[in-house]
N, C-alpha and C. Protein backbone atom coordinates (compact mmCIF):
# COMPACT_ATOMS: atom_id res chain seq x y z
N MET A 1 -28.24 93.65 -28.93
CA MET A 1 -28.70 92.37 -29.56
C MET A 1 -28.66 91.36 -28.35
N THR A 2 -29.01 90.23 -28.83
CA THR A 2 -29.34 89.03 -27.64
C THR A 2 -27.81 88.59 -27.66
N LEU A 3 -27.49 87.99 -27.01
CA LEU A 3 -26.00 87.41 -26.42
C LEU A 3 -26.51 85.64 -25.41
N LEU A 4 -25.49 84.80 -26.04
CA LEU A 4 -25.21 83.92 -25.05
C LEU A 4 -24.14 83.40 -25.26
N GLN A 5 -23.56 83.54 -23.57
CA GLN A 5 -22.37 82.69 -23.78
C GLN A 5 -22.78 81.38 -22.76
N ILE A 6 -21.88 80.48 -23.12
CA ILE A 6 -21.98 79.17 -22.35
C ILE A 6 -20.23 79.11 -21.60
N MET A 7 -20.69 78.59 -20.18
CA MET A 7 -19.03 78.25 -19.89
C MET A 7 -19.31 77.24 -18.80
N PRO A 8 -18.30 76.43 -18.34
CA PRO A 8 -18.43 75.52 -17.83
C PRO A 8 -18.78 76.15 -15.96
N ASP A 9 -19.49 75.25 -15.19
CA ASP A 9 -19.50 75.70 -13.99
C ASP A 9 -18.62 75.89 -12.97
N ASP A 10 -17.47 75.05 -13.23
CA ASP A 10 -16.34 75.26 -12.29
C ASP A 10 -15.13 75.94 -13.40
N ALA A 11 -15.45 76.84 -14.23
CA ALA A 11 -14.26 77.66 -15.19
C ALA A 11 -14.87 78.76 -15.65
N PRO A 12 -15.68 79.61 -15.08
CA PRO A 12 -15.79 80.92 -15.78
C PRO A 12 -15.52 81.41 -16.69
N ASP A 13 -14.07 81.64 -16.39
CA ASP A 13 -13.39 82.27 -17.54
C ASP A 13 -13.29 81.64 -19.15
N THR A 14 -13.34 80.20 -18.88
CA THR A 14 -13.76 79.54 -20.17
C THR A 14 -14.54 79.51 -20.70
N VAL A 15 -14.91 80.00 -22.28
CA VAL A 15 -16.13 80.40 -23.02
C VAL A 15 -15.84 79.09 -23.99
N LEU A 16 -17.67 78.31 -23.90
CA LEU A 16 -17.09 77.24 -24.83
C LEU A 16 -18.04 77.53 -26.25
N LEU A 17 -18.96 78.71 -25.63
CA LEU A 17 -19.82 79.40 -26.54
C LEU A 17 -20.00 80.69 -26.59
N ARG A 18 -20.14 81.47 -27.58
CA ARG A 18 -20.49 82.64 -27.34
C ARG A 18 -20.66 83.31 -29.21
N THR A 19 -22.25 83.40 -29.00
CA THR A 19 -22.74 83.91 -30.24
C THR A 19 -23.78 85.14 -29.89
N ARG A 20 -24.49 85.74 -31.09
CA ARG A 20 -25.44 86.91 -30.89
C ARG A 20 -26.71 86.07 -32.21
N ASP A 21 -26.23 85.27 -32.81
CA ASP A 21 -26.92 84.47 -33.52
C ASP A 21 -28.36 83.68 -33.18
N GLU A 22 -29.48 84.43 -33.01
CA GLU A 22 -30.79 84.07 -32.41
C GLU A 22 -31.36 82.53 -33.11
N GLU A 23 -30.94 82.22 -33.89
CA GLU A 23 -31.22 80.77 -34.52
C GLU A 23 -30.55 79.69 -33.63
N THR A 24 -29.10 79.88 -33.50
CA THR A 24 -28.04 79.41 -32.69
C THR A 24 -28.50 79.12 -30.88
N ILE A 25 -28.77 80.43 -31.06
CA ILE A 25 -29.20 80.67 -29.39
C ILE A 25 -30.49 79.68 -29.03
N ALA A 26 -32.02 79.99 -29.85
CA ALA A 26 -32.83 79.34 -29.43
C ALA A 26 -32.68 77.68 -29.86
N LYS A 27 -31.68 77.39 -30.37
CA LYS A 27 -31.71 75.95 -30.70
C LYS A 27 -30.64 75.50 -29.36
N ALA A 28 -29.67 75.60 -28.82
CA ALA A 28 -28.65 75.67 -28.02
C ALA A 28 -29.62 75.73 -26.54
N LEU A 29 -30.79 76.67 -26.25
CA LEU A 29 -31.56 76.32 -24.97
C LEU A 29 -32.74 75.45 -25.39
N ARG A 30 -33.51 75.57 -26.49
CA ARG A 30 -34.28 74.29 -27.01
C ARG A 30 -33.57 73.16 -26.07
N GLU A 31 -32.16 72.68 -26.56
CA GLU A 31 -31.77 71.41 -25.94
C GLU A 31 -31.66 71.31 -24.86
N ARG A 32 -31.69 72.56 -24.25
CA ARG A 32 -31.65 72.33 -22.43
C ARG A 32 -33.44 72.67 -21.92
N SER A 33 -34.48 72.48 -22.52
CA SER A 33 -35.96 72.72 -22.40
C SER A 33 -35.82 74.23 -22.06
N VAL A 34 -35.40 75.23 -22.29
CA VAL A 34 -35.51 76.39 -21.91
C VAL A 34 -36.14 76.89 -23.40
N SER A 35 -37.11 78.12 -23.39
CA SER A 35 -37.80 78.42 -24.52
C SER A 35 -37.60 80.18 -24.92
N PHE A 36 -36.85 80.42 -26.38
CA PHE A 36 -36.47 81.64 -26.40
C PHE A 36 -36.60 81.86 -27.57
N THR A 37 -37.76 83.00 -27.96
CA THR A 37 -38.35 83.44 -28.94
C THR A 37 -37.98 84.93 -28.74
N ARG A 38 -38.55 85.69 -30.02
CA ARG A 38 -38.86 87.05 -29.71
C ARG A 38 -40.09 87.04 -30.42
N TRP A 39 -40.91 88.43 -29.80
CA TRP A 39 -41.87 89.10 -30.37
C TRP A 39 -41.41 90.28 -31.57
N THR A 40 -42.12 90.47 -32.28
CA THR A 40 -42.13 91.99 -32.88
C THR A 40 -42.24 93.71 -31.59
N LEU A 41 -41.74 94.11 -31.79
CA LEU A 41 -41.78 95.30 -30.50
C LEU A 41 -43.51 96.31 -31.20
N ARG A 42 -43.91 96.42 -30.22
CA ARG A 42 -45.24 97.36 -30.66
C ARG A 42 -44.86 98.17 -29.89
N ALA A 43 -44.46 98.60 -29.13
CA ALA A 43 -44.33 100.12 -28.27
C ALA A 43 -42.79 100.82 -28.14
N ARG A 44 -42.83 101.79 -27.97
CA ARG A 44 -41.64 102.51 -27.68
C ARG A 44 -41.86 102.52 -26.14
N VAL A 45 -40.83 102.35 -24.78
CA VAL A 45 -41.56 102.35 -23.72
C VAL A 45 -40.22 103.15 -23.07
N THR A 46 -41.03 103.99 -22.64
CA THR A 46 -40.34 105.63 -21.98
C THR A 46 -40.36 105.18 -20.38
N PRO A 47 -39.68 105.70 -19.41
CA PRO A 47 -40.13 105.96 -17.95
C PRO A 47 -41.59 106.35 -17.89
N GLN A 48 -41.97 107.19 -18.55
CA GLN A 48 -43.56 107.45 -18.11
C GLN A 48 -44.75 106.32 -18.74
N THR A 49 -43.91 105.48 -20.28
CA THR A 49 -45.49 104.46 -20.45
C THR A 49 -46.08 103.75 -19.29
N ALA A 50 -47.47 104.01 -19.62
CA ALA A 50 -47.71 103.15 -17.95
C ALA A 50 -47.77 101.58 -18.56
N SER A 51 -48.23 100.70 -17.42
CA SER A 51 -47.82 99.84 -17.97
C SER A 51 -49.33 99.09 -18.52
N GLU A 52 -50.33 99.16 -18.16
CA GLU A 52 -51.58 99.15 -18.80
C GLU A 52 -51.44 99.55 -20.32
N GLU A 53 -50.91 100.77 -20.78
CA GLU A 53 -50.55 100.73 -22.41
C GLU A 53 -49.51 99.68 -22.74
N LEU A 54 -48.53 99.54 -22.14
CA LEU A 54 -47.42 98.10 -22.51
C LEU A 54 -48.00 97.01 -22.95
N LEU A 55 -49.52 96.65 -21.56
CA LEU A 55 -50.08 95.61 -21.29
C LEU A 55 -50.72 95.48 -23.02
N ASP A 56 -51.49 96.43 -23.26
CA ASP A 56 -52.37 96.55 -24.42
C ASP A 56 -52.01 96.43 -25.62
N ALA A 57 -50.66 97.08 -25.80
CA ALA A 57 -49.70 96.94 -26.99
C ALA A 57 -49.17 95.44 -27.06
N TYR A 58 -49.22 94.68 -26.25
CA TYR A 58 -48.84 93.26 -26.64
C TYR A 58 -50.19 92.42 -26.19
N ARG A 59 -51.50 92.74 -26.18
CA ARG A 59 -52.13 91.99 -25.51
C ARG A 59 -52.68 90.84 -26.44
N ALA A 60 -52.12 90.55 -27.56
CA ALA A 60 -52.59 89.34 -28.36
C ALA A 60 -51.62 88.23 -28.08
N GLU A 61 -50.42 88.42 -27.88
CA GLU A 61 -49.42 87.77 -27.69
C GLU A 61 -49.35 87.55 -26.24
N ILE A 62 -49.66 88.06 -25.59
CA ILE A 62 -50.17 87.71 -24.09
C ILE A 62 -51.14 86.81 -24.03
N ASP A 63 -52.37 87.28 -24.57
CA ASP A 63 -53.39 85.84 -24.25
C ASP A 63 -53.05 84.66 -24.64
N ALA A 64 -52.26 84.79 -26.29
CA ALA A 64 -52.19 83.49 -26.42
C ALA A 64 -51.00 82.86 -25.52
N LEU A 65 -50.14 83.52 -25.18
CA LEU A 65 -49.06 82.71 -23.99
C LEU A 65 -49.69 82.22 -22.93
N CYS A 66 -50.48 83.30 -22.37
CA CYS A 66 -51.29 82.76 -20.93
C CYS A 66 -51.92 81.46 -21.68
N ALA A 67 -52.47 81.35 -22.56
CA ALA A 67 -53.94 80.43 -22.63
C ALA A 67 -53.01 79.26 -23.25
N GLY A 68 -51.93 79.19 -23.66
CA GLY A 68 -50.97 78.12 -24.26
C GLY A 68 -50.05 77.12 -22.94
N GLN A 69 -49.97 78.27 -22.28
CA GLN A 69 -49.05 77.94 -21.01
C GLN A 69 -50.15 77.64 -19.75
N GLY A 70 -51.28 78.10 -19.42
CA GLY A 70 -51.84 78.43 -18.12
C GLY A 70 -51.51 79.11 -17.30
N LEU A 71 -51.19 80.56 -17.29
CA LEU A 71 -50.23 81.63 -17.30
C LEU A 71 -51.79 82.55 -17.05
N ARG A 72 -51.77 82.95 -15.43
CA ARG A 72 -52.82 83.71 -14.95
C ARG A 72 -52.62 85.07 -14.69
N LEU A 73 -51.45 85.38 -14.00
CA LEU A 73 -50.88 86.51 -13.78
C LEU A 73 -50.11 87.34 -14.61
N VAL A 74 -49.94 88.61 -14.91
CA VAL A 74 -49.46 89.47 -15.64
C VAL A 74 -48.89 90.57 -15.30
N ASP A 75 -47.72 91.01 -14.72
CA ASP A 75 -47.46 92.22 -14.39
C ASP A 75 -46.29 92.69 -15.62
N VAL A 76 -45.53 94.01 -14.91
CA VAL A 76 -44.99 94.85 -15.46
C VAL A 76 -43.66 94.87 -14.69
N ALA A 77 -42.64 94.57 -14.86
CA ALA A 77 -41.59 95.21 -13.71
C ALA A 77 -40.48 96.11 -14.51
N ARG A 78 -39.95 97.34 -13.85
CA ARG A 78 -39.15 98.13 -14.71
C ARG A 78 -38.38 99.02 -13.63
N LEU A 79 -37.16 99.31 -14.10
CA LEU A 79 -36.64 100.14 -13.62
C LEU A 79 -35.87 100.83 -14.77
N HIS A 80 -35.79 102.17 -14.14
CA HIS A 80 -35.10 103.18 -15.25
C HIS A 80 -34.32 104.19 -14.67
N PRO A 81 -32.95 104.51 -14.90
CA PRO A 81 -32.07 105.37 -14.12
C PRO A 81 -32.69 106.52 -14.11
N GLU A 82 -32.71 106.99 -13.16
CA GLU A 82 -32.74 108.25 -12.21
C GLU A 82 -31.75 109.04 -11.59
N GLU A 83 -32.14 110.28 -11.39
CA GLU A 83 -30.74 110.97 -10.33
C GLU A 83 -31.08 110.63 -9.10
N GLY A 84 -29.97 111.56 -8.56
CA GLY A 84 -29.75 111.10 -7.13
C GLY A 84 -29.57 109.93 -6.31
N ALA A 85 -28.91 109.61 -4.85
CA ALA A 85 -28.50 108.72 -4.16
C ALA A 85 -29.88 107.83 -4.04
N GLU A 86 -30.88 108.06 -3.82
CA GLU A 86 -31.89 107.52 -3.22
C GLU A 86 -32.06 106.23 -4.50
N TRP A 87 -32.19 106.58 -5.85
CA TRP A 87 -32.47 105.12 -6.83
C TRP A 87 -31.11 104.85 -6.88
N GLN A 88 -29.68 105.29 -6.96
CA GLN A 88 -28.83 104.38 -6.88
C GLN A 88 -28.73 103.29 -5.96
N GLU A 89 -29.41 103.78 -4.50
CA GLU A 89 -29.53 102.91 -3.25
C GLU A 89 -30.69 101.71 -4.07
N ARG A 90 -31.78 102.09 -4.02
CA ARG A 90 -33.19 101.63 -4.97
C ARG A 90 -32.03 100.56 -5.86
N ALA A 91 -31.65 100.64 -6.71
CA ALA A 91 -31.26 100.08 -7.89
C ALA A 91 -30.06 98.77 -7.35
N ALA A 92 -29.33 99.47 -6.61
CA ALA A 92 -28.35 98.71 -6.13
C ALA A 92 -28.72 97.21 -5.04
N LYS A 93 -30.01 97.49 -4.63
CA LYS A 93 -30.85 96.80 -3.66
C LYS A 93 -31.53 96.03 -4.90
N ALA A 94 -32.00 96.12 -5.67
CA ALA A 94 -32.60 95.68 -7.01
C ALA A 94 -31.54 94.50 -7.48
N ARG A 95 -31.02 95.10 -8.01
CA ARG A 95 -29.82 94.06 -8.63
C ARG A 95 -29.08 93.03 -7.51
N SER A 96 -28.81 93.26 -6.26
CA SER A 96 -28.19 92.53 -5.08
C SER A 96 -29.44 91.85 -5.13
N THR A 97 -30.79 91.58 -5.66
CA THR A 97 -31.53 90.57 -4.68
C THR A 97 -32.09 89.43 -5.44
N PHE A 98 -31.06 89.08 -7.15
CA PHE A 98 -31.15 88.12 -7.49
C PHE A 98 -29.87 87.71 -7.85
N LEU A 99 -29.20 88.06 -7.40
CA LEU A 99 -28.13 87.89 -7.97
C LEU A 99 -26.76 86.13 -7.45
N ASP A 100 -27.90 86.08 -6.36
CA ASP A 100 -27.27 84.83 -6.15
C ASP A 100 -28.71 83.71 -6.83
N GLU A 101 -27.41 82.50 -6.63
CA GLU A 101 -28.35 81.43 -7.27
C GLU A 101 -29.92 80.90 -6.78
N HIS A 102 -30.87 80.67 -7.36
CA HIS A 102 -32.17 80.46 -7.02
C HIS A 102 -32.82 79.61 -7.88
N ARG A 103 -34.33 79.23 -7.79
CA ARG A 103 -34.96 78.76 -8.39
C ARG A 103 -36.27 78.77 -8.36
N HIS A 104 -37.28 78.67 -8.75
CA HIS A 104 -38.76 79.00 -8.77
C HIS A 104 -39.46 77.78 -8.67
N ALA A 105 -40.38 77.94 -8.42
CA ALA A 105 -41.74 76.61 -8.15
C ALA A 105 -42.27 76.59 -9.32
N GLU A 106 -42.13 77.60 -10.53
CA GLU A 106 -43.05 77.62 -11.54
C GLU A 106 -42.23 78.08 -12.89
N ASP A 107 -42.56 77.91 -13.92
CA ASP A 107 -41.46 78.08 -14.75
C ASP A 107 -41.56 79.95 -14.80
N GLU A 108 -40.21 80.38 -15.05
CA GLU A 108 -40.11 81.76 -14.78
C GLU A 108 -40.52 82.61 -16.34
N VAL A 109 -40.81 83.19 -16.81
CA VAL A 109 -41.28 83.79 -17.99
C VAL A 109 -41.59 85.29 -18.35
N ARG A 110 -40.62 85.60 -19.06
CA ARG A 110 -40.33 87.23 -19.23
C ARG A 110 -40.41 87.44 -20.85
N PHE A 111 -40.68 88.70 -20.74
CA PHE A 111 -41.00 89.20 -22.34
C PHE A 111 -40.09 90.53 -22.07
N PHE A 112 -38.77 91.36 -22.28
CA PHE A 112 -38.51 92.03 -22.35
C PHE A 112 -38.89 93.01 -23.53
N ALA A 113 -39.29 94.37 -23.11
CA ALA A 113 -40.05 95.48 -23.73
C ALA A 113 -38.86 96.46 -24.13
N HIS A 114 -38.29 96.61 -22.96
CA HIS A 114 -37.12 97.56 -22.97
C HIS A 114 -36.01 97.45 -22.45
N GLY A 115 -35.21 97.31 -23.06
CA GLY A 115 -33.37 97.64 -22.29
C GLY A 115 -32.84 95.93 -21.94
N THR A 116 -32.21 95.51 -21.34
CA THR A 116 -31.68 95.02 -21.34
C THR A 116 -31.29 93.70 -19.64
N GLY A 117 -31.03 92.34 -19.71
CA GLY A 117 -30.86 92.03 -18.43
C GLY A 117 -29.90 90.63 -18.92
N CYS A 118 -29.81 90.19 -17.77
CA CYS A 118 -29.02 88.72 -18.32
C CYS A 118 -29.09 87.70 -17.13
N PHE A 119 -29.93 86.35 -17.81
CA PHE A 119 -29.95 85.39 -17.04
C PHE A 119 -29.11 84.41 -17.26
N TYR A 120 -28.49 83.80 -16.13
CA TYR A 120 -27.63 83.19 -16.17
C TYR A 120 -28.36 81.63 -15.53
N LEU A 121 -28.42 80.73 -16.64
CA LEU A 121 -28.70 79.44 -16.25
C LEU A 121 -27.80 78.11 -16.19
N HIS A 122 -27.63 78.05 -14.38
CA HIS A 122 -26.82 76.71 -14.34
C HIS A 122 -27.88 75.22 -14.78
N LEU A 123 -27.14 74.73 -16.30
CA LEU A 123 -28.19 73.67 -16.26
C LEU A 123 -26.97 72.32 -16.51
N GLU A 124 -26.88 71.15 -15.15
CA GLU A 124 -26.17 70.72 -15.19
C GLU A 124 -24.84 71.11 -14.80
N ASP A 125 -23.95 70.73 -15.85
CA ASP A 125 -22.46 71.57 -15.17
C ASP A 125 -22.00 72.77 -16.28
N ARG A 126 -22.91 73.02 -17.10
CA ARG A 126 -22.92 74.58 -17.46
C ARG A 126 -23.33 75.72 -16.69
N VAL A 127 -22.77 77.00 -17.46
CA VAL A 127 -23.95 77.96 -16.99
C VAL A 127 -23.83 78.71 -18.25
N TYR A 128 -25.29 79.14 -18.63
CA TYR A 128 -25.65 79.70 -20.20
C TYR A 128 -25.88 81.15 -19.68
N ALA A 129 -25.37 81.85 -20.31
CA ALA A 129 -25.43 83.50 -19.61
C ALA A 129 -26.32 83.97 -20.86
N VAL A 130 -27.29 84.12 -20.30
CA VAL A 130 -28.42 84.67 -21.70
C VAL A 130 -28.85 85.86 -21.50
N VAL A 131 -28.13 86.83 -22.49
CA VAL A 131 -28.28 88.70 -22.35
C VAL A 131 -29.57 88.77 -23.53
N CYS A 132 -30.77 88.94 -22.48
CA CYS A 132 -31.93 89.48 -23.03
C CYS A 132 -32.27 90.95 -23.56
N GLU A 133 -32.47 91.33 -24.27
CA GLU A 133 -32.89 92.84 -25.24
C GLU A 133 -34.37 93.01 -25.42
N ALA A 134 -34.84 94.01 -26.06
CA ALA A 134 -35.65 94.55 -26.37
C ALA A 134 -36.14 93.60 -26.85
N GLY A 135 -37.72 92.74 -26.79
CA GLY A 135 -38.30 91.98 -28.31
C GLY A 135 -38.04 90.40 -27.93
N ASP A 136 -37.16 90.08 -26.68
CA ASP A 136 -37.01 88.88 -26.37
C ASP A 136 -37.60 88.25 -25.43
N LEU A 137 -38.28 87.02 -25.42
CA LEU A 137 -39.08 86.14 -24.83
C LEU A 137 -38.52 84.88 -24.31
N LEU A 138 -37.96 84.89 -22.69
CA LEU A 138 -37.71 83.98 -22.39
C LEU A 138 -38.53 82.91 -21.35
N SER A 139 -37.98 81.58 -21.34
CA SER A 139 -39.39 80.56 -20.49
C SER A 139 -38.24 80.04 -19.90
N VAL A 140 -38.17 79.84 -18.54
CA VAL A 140 -36.72 79.05 -17.80
C VAL A 140 -37.94 78.00 -16.94
N PRO A 141 -37.46 77.24 -17.58
CA PRO A 141 -38.51 75.83 -16.53
C PRO A 141 -38.72 75.74 -14.92
N ALA A 142 -39.35 75.84 -14.56
CA ALA A 142 -39.70 75.09 -13.02
C ALA A 142 -38.66 74.37 -12.31
N GLY A 143 -37.61 74.89 -11.41
CA GLY A 143 -36.72 74.21 -10.54
C GLY A 143 -35.60 74.75 -11.33
N THR A 144 -35.28 75.56 -12.26
CA THR A 144 -33.88 75.27 -13.21
C THR A 144 -33.16 76.65 -11.85
N ARG A 145 -31.86 75.89 -12.12
CA ARG A 145 -31.06 76.64 -10.99
C ARG A 145 -30.73 77.92 -12.10
N HIS A 146 -30.68 79.06 -11.24
CA HIS A 146 -30.46 80.58 -12.17
C HIS A 146 -30.20 81.43 -11.30
N TRP A 147 -29.68 82.86 -11.99
CA TRP A 147 -29.56 84.33 -11.25
C TRP A 147 -30.03 85.09 -12.37
N PHE A 148 -29.93 86.47 -11.90
CA PHE A 148 -30.46 87.40 -12.90
C PHE A 148 -29.47 88.82 -12.88
N ASP A 149 -29.19 89.17 -13.62
CA ASP A 149 -28.07 90.78 -13.25
C ASP A 149 -29.19 91.69 -14.20
N MET A 150 -29.20 92.80 -13.46
CA MET A 150 -29.73 93.80 -14.28
C MET A 150 -29.01 95.12 -14.57
N GLY A 151 -27.71 94.50 -14.23
CA GLY A 151 -26.50 95.73 -14.50
C GLY A 151 -26.38 96.57 -13.58
N PRO A 152 -25.42 97.53 -13.67
CA PRO A 152 -24.89 98.20 -12.69
C PRO A 152 -26.08 99.69 -12.71
N VAL A 153 -26.49 99.72 -13.65
CA VAL A 153 -27.65 101.17 -13.46
C VAL A 153 -28.61 100.47 -14.85
N PRO A 154 -29.35 99.56 -13.87
CA PRO A 154 -30.83 99.18 -14.89
C PRO A 154 -31.65 99.89 -15.33
N ASP A 155 -32.21 99.62 -16.69
CA ASP A 155 -32.46 100.19 -17.64
C ASP A 155 -33.54 99.19 -18.31
N PHE A 156 -34.44 98.39 -17.88
CA PHE A 156 -34.87 97.52 -18.82
C PHE A 156 -36.90 97.34 -17.72
N CYS A 157 -37.47 96.53 -18.75
CA CYS A 157 -39.00 96.75 -18.90
C CYS A 157 -39.50 95.32 -19.20
N ALA A 158 -39.87 94.80 -18.50
CA ALA A 158 -40.42 93.25 -18.71
C ALA A 158 -41.67 92.94 -18.16
N ILE A 159 -42.03 92.07 -19.09
CA ILE A 159 -43.73 91.91 -18.87
C ILE A 159 -43.30 90.49 -18.36
N ARG A 160 -44.00 90.24 -17.23
CA ARG A 160 -43.42 88.65 -16.57
C ARG A 160 -44.85 87.97 -16.26
N PHE A 161 -44.53 86.73 -16.33
CA PHE A 161 -45.94 86.00 -16.28
C PHE A 161 -45.97 84.96 -15.24
N PHE A 162 -46.80 84.92 -14.37
CA PHE A 162 -47.20 84.12 -13.53
C PHE A 162 -48.37 82.92 -13.40
N GLU A 163 -48.42 81.72 -13.09
CA GLU A 163 -49.25 80.67 -12.93
C GLU A 163 -50.18 81.33 -11.30
N LYS A 164 -48.84 81.54 -10.28
CA LYS A 164 -49.75 81.81 -8.71
C LYS A 164 -49.16 83.61 -8.52
N GLU A 165 -49.79 83.71 -7.24
CA GLU A 165 -49.32 85.36 -6.91
C GLU A 165 -47.78 85.39 -6.49
N ASP A 166 -47.71 84.14 -6.22
CA ASP A 166 -45.82 84.02 -4.96
C ASP A 166 -45.20 83.15 -6.13
N GLY A 167 -45.50 83.29 -7.92
CA GLY A 167 -44.43 82.54 -8.55
C GLY A 167 -43.18 83.32 -8.73
N TRP A 168 -42.77 84.28 -8.14
CA TRP A 168 -41.81 84.99 -8.31
C TRP A 168 -40.83 84.87 -7.29
N VAL A 169 -41.06 84.28 -6.31
CA VAL A 169 -40.60 84.11 -5.10
C VAL A 169 -39.59 83.28 -5.34
N GLY A 170 -37.91 83.02 -4.80
CA GLY A 170 -36.88 82.56 -5.52
C GLY A 170 -36.77 81.43 -3.91
N ASP A 171 -36.34 80.43 -4.31
CA ASP A 171 -35.77 79.55 -3.49
C ASP A 171 -34.21 79.41 -3.48
N PHE A 172 -33.42 79.84 -2.60
CA PHE A 172 -31.94 80.42 -2.81
C PHE A 172 -31.22 79.31 -2.27
N THR A 173 -30.15 78.45 -3.03
CA THR A 173 -29.54 77.40 -3.08
C THR A 173 -28.64 77.33 -2.07
N GLN A 174 -28.17 78.84 -1.83
CA GLN A 174 -27.00 79.18 -1.01
C GLN A 174 -25.60 78.63 -1.57
N GLU A 175 -25.69 78.64 -2.84
CA GLU A 175 -24.40 77.69 -3.34
C GLU A 175 -23.73 79.00 -3.84
N PRO A 176 -22.31 79.18 -3.75
CA PRO A 176 -21.59 80.39 -4.22
C PRO A 176 -21.39 80.50 -5.54
N VAL A 177 -21.89 79.50 -6.54
CA VAL A 177 -21.34 79.70 -7.53
C VAL A 177 -21.35 80.89 -8.85
N ALA A 178 -22.67 81.71 -8.17
CA ALA A 178 -22.70 82.81 -9.00
C ALA A 178 -21.58 84.05 -9.08
N ASP A 179 -20.68 84.19 -7.84
CA ASP A 179 -19.86 84.81 -7.68
C ASP A 179 -18.75 84.76 -8.44
N GLY A 180 -18.17 83.75 -9.15
CA GLY A 180 -17.18 83.64 -10.08
C GLY A 180 -17.45 84.07 -11.58
N PHE A 181 -18.84 84.42 -11.62
CA PHE A 181 -19.25 84.63 -13.50
C PHE A 181 -19.23 86.10 -13.84
N PRO A 182 -19.12 86.45 -14.79
CA PRO A 182 -18.78 88.29 -15.37
C PRO A 182 -20.45 88.71 -15.36
N ARG A 183 -20.36 89.47 -14.67
CA ARG A 183 -21.58 90.34 -14.53
C ARG A 183 -21.94 91.09 -15.88
N LEU A 184 -23.21 91.02 -16.11
CA LEU A 184 -23.81 92.15 -17.01
C LEU A 184 -22.70 92.80 -17.73
N ASP A 185 -22.49 93.72 -17.13
CA ASP A 185 -21.57 94.84 -17.66
C ASP A 185 -20.44 94.33 -18.37
N ALA A 186 -19.47 93.20 -17.99
CA ALA A 186 -18.45 92.61 -18.23
C ALA A 186 -18.62 91.74 -19.97
N LEU A 187 -20.03 91.05 -19.65
CA LEU A 187 -20.63 90.09 -20.77
C LEU A 187 -20.58 90.96 -21.83
N LEU A 188 -21.16 92.44 -21.89
CA LEU A 188 -21.56 93.28 -22.73
C LEU A 188 -19.80 93.95 -23.16
N ARG A 189 -19.04 94.24 -22.37
CA ARG A 189 -18.01 94.82 -22.56
C ARG A 189 -16.71 93.77 -23.62
N GLU A 190 -17.19 92.68 -23.63
CA GLU A 190 -16.11 91.95 -23.89
C GLU A 190 -16.52 91.70 -25.78
N GLY A 191 -17.52 92.31 -25.96
CA GLY A 191 -18.22 92.67 -27.43
C GLY A 191 -19.23 91.56 -28.19
């Protein structure tokens, strides 16, 4: 189930709010200009599910979102657990890529069709850890400082939306703020 945990940016052990209530999550994020909604799950995603099959299953929602927000490019990002050292290295590299605080020149819009990932939004003097799960659509405004954790054993499939081809490229802040906050696995362990 989706989770929101809010912490001061200088006190990661202090929990100001922790909730799984979707209305509370949507309201708290909306107050910070972040959009959180849910789409009805239309496809069971497995490692064998083709990207086009997934995109076709959500075609109506994708087309409406693209038309409404001027998004022109859509793709699928996924990682599913596999056996072997090669996959473990690939997963560790993928995880570490976005664990540092960064921002993007355009909105970051993601729909989770399968699995789990956590967006940490650094909004003023607070960090909003948003654990997204299948069915969640999150839209983070351009310029928002954030980082993303896919967990130690990444297992997710997300539809990504962009205005431009390089929309996913991060501008890293070089600030160490992300280092002190609980990672996805710790957030989920806390119950």
